[in-house]
Amino acid sequence: MTLSLAHITVDCADAAALAGFWSELLDKPVDAGASAQFATVGSASGLSPLLMFIQVPDKNPGKNVIHLDFHAEDWHQYVERAVSLGAKRIGDFDEYGAQWTTLADPEGNLFDIGAA
């Protein structure tokens, strides 16, 4: 038996709204049955791991210690797309032989988009 990653879970205030942001950014539909309490992105399209959003009364304060990293050849276009969808640009970096931009989704969860 092997351990496999099933979900990436994000604690949030409004699961359906945050799933909508990630759905648009990743061009994957929000799965049926989304609500303010619970939503997923990727089940219908075969995304693995599945993105899961769960409403919680109190998110952990401060910076999230685990975040998503994305890469693409045309990564600057994805950064601009994320910003147009409601992400906040935190900073641009060129370190360790890599280039990337750190952003925050509409609820402040950090993620990176960088050069492939």
C-alpha atoms as a PDB file:
ATOM      1  CA  MET A   1       0.000   0.000   0.000  1.00  0.00           C
ATOM      2  CA  THR A   2       1.319   3.459  -0.903  1.00  0.00           C
ATOM      3  CA  LEU A   3       0.408   6.857   0.406  1.00  0.00           C
ATOM      4  CA  SER A   4      -0.941   9.237  -2.239  1.00  0.00           C
ATOM      5  CA  LEU A   5      -1.930  12.884  -2.114  1.00  0.00           C
ATOM      6  CA  ALA A   6      -5.706  13.155  -2.518  1.00  0.00           C
ATOM      7  CA  HIS A   7      -6.548  16.806  -1.782  1.00  0.00           C
ATOM      8  CA  ILE A   8      -4.994  20.163  -1.218  1.00  0.00           C
ATOM      9  CA  THR A   9      -7.309  21.728   1.345  1.00  0.00           C
ATOM     10  CA  VAL A  10      -7.694  25.455   1.923  1.00  0.00           C
ATOM     11  CA  ASP A  11      -9.414  26.824   5.024  1.00  0.00           C
ATOM     12  CA  CYS A  12     -11.485  29.859   4.060  1.00  0.00           C
ATOM     13  CA  ALA A  13     -14.432  32.119   4.847  1.00  0.00           C
ATOM     14  CA  ASP A  14     -16.426  31.415   1.660  1.00  0.00           C
ATOM     15  CA  ALA A  15     -15.633  28.100   0.005  1.00  0.00           C
ATOM     16  CA  ALA A  16     -17.669  28.629  -3.185  1.00  0.00           C
ATOM     17  CA  ALA A  17     -16.254  32.098  -3.814  1.00  0.00           C
ATOM     18  CA  LEU A  18     -12.638  31.028  -3.297  1.00  0.00           C
ATOM     19  CA  ALA A  19     -13.181  27.895  -5.403  1.00  0.00           C
ATOM     20  CA  GLY A  20     -14.482  30.221  -8.128  1.00  0.00           C
ATOM     21  CA  PHE A  21     -11.214  32.186  -8.117  1.00  0.00           C
ATOM     22  CA  TRP A  22      -9.095  29.016  -8.401  1.00  0.00           C
ATOM     23  CA  SER A  23     -11.465  27.579 -11.004  1.00  0.00           C
ATOM     24  CA  GLU A  24     -10.964  30.614 -13.232  1.00  0.00           C
ATOM     25  CA  LEU A  25      -7.190  30.727 -12.699  1.00  0.00           C
ATOM     26  CA  LEU A  26      -6.705  27.022 -13.450  1.00  0.00           C
ATOM     27  CA  ASP A  27      -9.414  26.849 -16.140  1.00  0.00           C
ATOM     28  CA  LYS A  28     -11.038  23.920 -14.308  1.00  0.00           C
ATOM     29  CA  PRO A  29     -14.719  23.925 -13.296  1.00  0.00           C
ATOM     30  CA  VAL A  30     -15.982  24.176  -9.748  1.00  0.00           C
ATOM     31  CA  ASP A  31     -17.531  20.794  -8.989  1.00  0.00           C
ATOM     32  CA  ALA A  32     -21.282  20.446  -8.516  1.00  0.00           C
ATOM     33  CA  GLY A  33     -22.685  21.111  -5.064  1.00  0.00           C
ATOM     34  CA  ALA A  34     -20.417  24.023  -4.117  1.00  0.00           C
ATOM     35  CA  SER A  35     -21.590  26.095  -1.165  1.00  0.00           C
ATOM     36  CA  ALA A  36     -20.196  28.717   1.166  1.00  0.00           C
ATOM     37  CA  GLN A  37     -19.238  25.852   3.496  1.00  0.00           C
ATOM     38  CA  PHE A  38     -17.594  23.380   1.078  1.00  0.00           C
ATOM     39  CA  ALA A  39     -16.433  23.310  -2.533  1.00  0.00           C
ATOM     40  CA  THR A  40     -13.988  21.420  -4.731  1.00  0.00           C
ATOM     41  CA  VAL A  41     -12.271  22.099  -8.030  1.00  0.00           C
ATOM     42  CA  GLY A  42     -11.044  19.371 -10.314  1.00  0.00           C
ATOM     43  CA  SER A  43     -13.089  16.260  -9.646  1.00  0.00           C
ATOM     44  CA  ALA A  44     -15.072  16.531 -12.887  1.00  0.00           C
ATOM     45  CA  SER A  45     -11.956  17.346 -14.924  1.00  0.00           C
ATOM     46  CA  GLY A  46      -9.652  14.725 -13.403  1.00  0.00           C
ATOM     47  CA  LEU A  47      -7.368  17.196 -11.609  1.00  0.00           C
ATOM     48  CA  SER A  48      -5.144  15.413  -9.143  1.00  0.00           C
ATOM     49  CA  PRO A  49      -4.753  16.283  -6.392  1.00  0.00           C
ATOM     50  CA  LEU A  50      -8.194  17.796  -6.001  1.00  0.00           C
ATOM     51  CA  LEU A  51      -8.456  21.332  -4.596  1.00  0.00           C
ATOM     52  CA  MET A  52     -10.810  21.391  -1.607  1.00  0.00           C
ATOM     53  CA  PHE A  53     -12.122  24.513   0.139  1.00  0.00           C
ATOM     54  CA  ILE A  54     -13.672  24.315   3.604  1.00  0.00           C
ATOM     55  CA  GLN A  55     -15.258  27.155   5.550  1.00  0.00           C
ATOM     56  CA  VAL A  56     -13.747  27.508   9.017  1.00  0.00           C
ATOM     57  CA  PRO A  57     -14.645  29.990  11.753  1.00  0.00           C
ATOM     58  CA  ASP A  58     -11.024  30.930  12.467  1.00  0.00           C
ATOM     59  CA  LYS A  59      -8.169  30.597  10.002  1.00  0.00           C
ATOM     60  CA  ASN A  60      -4.635  30.267  11.324  1.00  0.00           C
ATOM     61  CA  PRO A  61      -3.225  33.758  11.847  1.00  0.00           C
ATOM     62  CA  GLY A  62      -0.155  34.883   9.947  1.00  0.00           C
ATOM     63  CA  LYS A  63       1.586  33.575   6.841  1.00  0.00           C
ATOM     64  CA  ASN A  64       0.617  30.174   5.502  1.00  0.00           C
ATOM     65  CA  VAL A  65       3.639  27.862   5.678  1.00  0.00           C
ATOM     66  CA  ILE A  66       2.622  25.652   2.751  1.00  0.00           C
ATOM     67  CA  HIS A  67       1.704  27.188  -0.564  1.00  0.00           C
ATOM     68  CA  LEU A  68       1.135  26.196  -4.186  1.00  0.00           C
ATOM     69  CA  ASP A  69       3.828  26.777  -6.819  1.00  0.00           C
ATOM     70  CA  PHE A  70       2.868  26.897 -10.496  1.00  0.00           C
ATOM     71  CA  HIS A  71       5.136  27.249 -13.502  1.00  0.00           C
ATOM     72  CA  ALA A  72       4.662  27.927 -17.209  1.00  0.00           C
ATOM     73  CA  GLU A  73       6.644  29.187 -20.175  1.00  0.00           C
ATOM     74  CA  ASP A  74       4.354  32.233 -20.404  1.00  0.00           C
ATOM     75  CA  TRP A  75       4.226  32.720 -16.637  1.00  0.00           C
ATOM     76  CA  HIS A  76       3.946  36.532 -16.765  1.00  0.00           C
ATOM     77  CA  GLN A  77       0.589  36.146 -18.545  1.00  0.00           C
ATOM     78  CA  TYR A  78      -0.656  33.891 -15.739  1.00  0.00           C
ATOM     79  CA  VAL A  79       0.484  36.403 -13.133  1.00  0.00           C
ATOM     80  CA  GLU A  80      -1.496  39.138 -14.886  1.00  0.00           C
ATOM     81  CA  ARG A  81      -4.493  36.817 -15.212  1.00  0.00           C
ATOM     82  CA  ALA A  82      -4.372  36.003 -11.497  1.00  0.00           C
ATOM     83  CA  VAL A  83      -4.293  39.718 -10.647  1.00  0.00           C
ATOM     84  CA  SER A  84      -7.234  40.401 -12.986  1.00  0.00           C
ATOM     85  CA  LEU A  85      -9.193  37.667 -11.163  1.00  0.00           C
ATOM     86  CA  GLY A  86      -8.596  39.277  -7.771  1.00  0.00           C
ATOM     87  CA  ALA A  87      -5.158  38.109  -6.634  1.00  0.00           C
ATOM     88  CA  LYS A  88      -2.780  40.588  -5.012  1.00  0.00           C
ATOM     89  CA  ARG A  89       0.812  40.768  -6.273  1.00  0.00           C
ATOM     90  CA  ILE A  90       3.107  40.413  -3.252  1.00  0.00           C
ATOM     91  CA  GLY A  91       6.525  40.493  -4.928  1.00  0.00           C
ATOM     92  CA  ASP A  92       8.733  39.465  -7.833  1.00  0.00           C
ATOM     93  CA  PHE A  93      11.801  37.322  -7.213  1.00  0.00           C
ATOM     94  CA  ASP A  94      14.895  36.191  -9.107  1.00  0.00           C
ATOM     95  CA  GLU A  95      16.784  33.923  -6.727  1.00  0.00           C
ATOM     96  CA  TYR A  96      18.350  30.463  -6.589  1.00  0.00           C
ATOM     97  CA  GLY A  97      18.410  30.315 -10.400  1.00  0.00           C
ATOM     98  CA  ALA A  98      14.640  30.774 -10.636  1.00  0.00           C
ATOM     99  CA  GLN A  99      12.211  33.594 -11.374  1.00  0.00           C
ATOM    100  CA  TRP A 100       8.743  33.815  -9.862  1.00  0.00           C
ATOM    101  CA  THR A 101       6.032  36.102  -8.548  1.00  0.00           C
ATOM    102  CA  THR A 102       4.387  35.589  -5.176  1.00  0.00           C
ATOM    103  CA  LEU A 103       0.693  36.413  -5.058  1.00  0.00           C
ATOM    104  CA  ALA A 104      -2.157  36.173  -2.550  1.00  0.00           C
ATOM    105  CA  ASP A 105      -5.568  34.826  -3.521  1.00  0.00           C
ATOM    106  CA  PRO A 106      -8.698  36.837  -2.572  1.00  0.00           C
ATOM    107  CA  GLU A 107      -8.579  35.471   0.997  1.00  0.00           C
ATOM    108  CA  GLY A 108      -4.838  36.110   1.422  1.00  0.00           C
ATOM    109  CA  ASN A 109      -3.466  32.600   0.809  1.00  0.00           C
ATOM    110  CA  LEU A 110      -0.032  32.855  -0.817  1.00  0.00           C
ATOM    111  CA  PHE A 111       0.946  31.098  -4.053  1.00  0.00           C
ATOM    112  CA  ASP A 112       3.721  31.448  -6.636  1.00  0.00           C
ATOM    113  CA  ILE A 113       3.745  31.541 -10.411  1.00  0.00           C
ATOM    114  CA  GLY A 114       7.148  31.221 -12.043  1.00  0.00           C
ATOM    115  CA  ALA A 115       9.158  30.420 -15.112  1.00  0.00           C
ATOM    116  CA  ALA A 116       9.124  26.828 -16.331  1.00  0.00           C
END
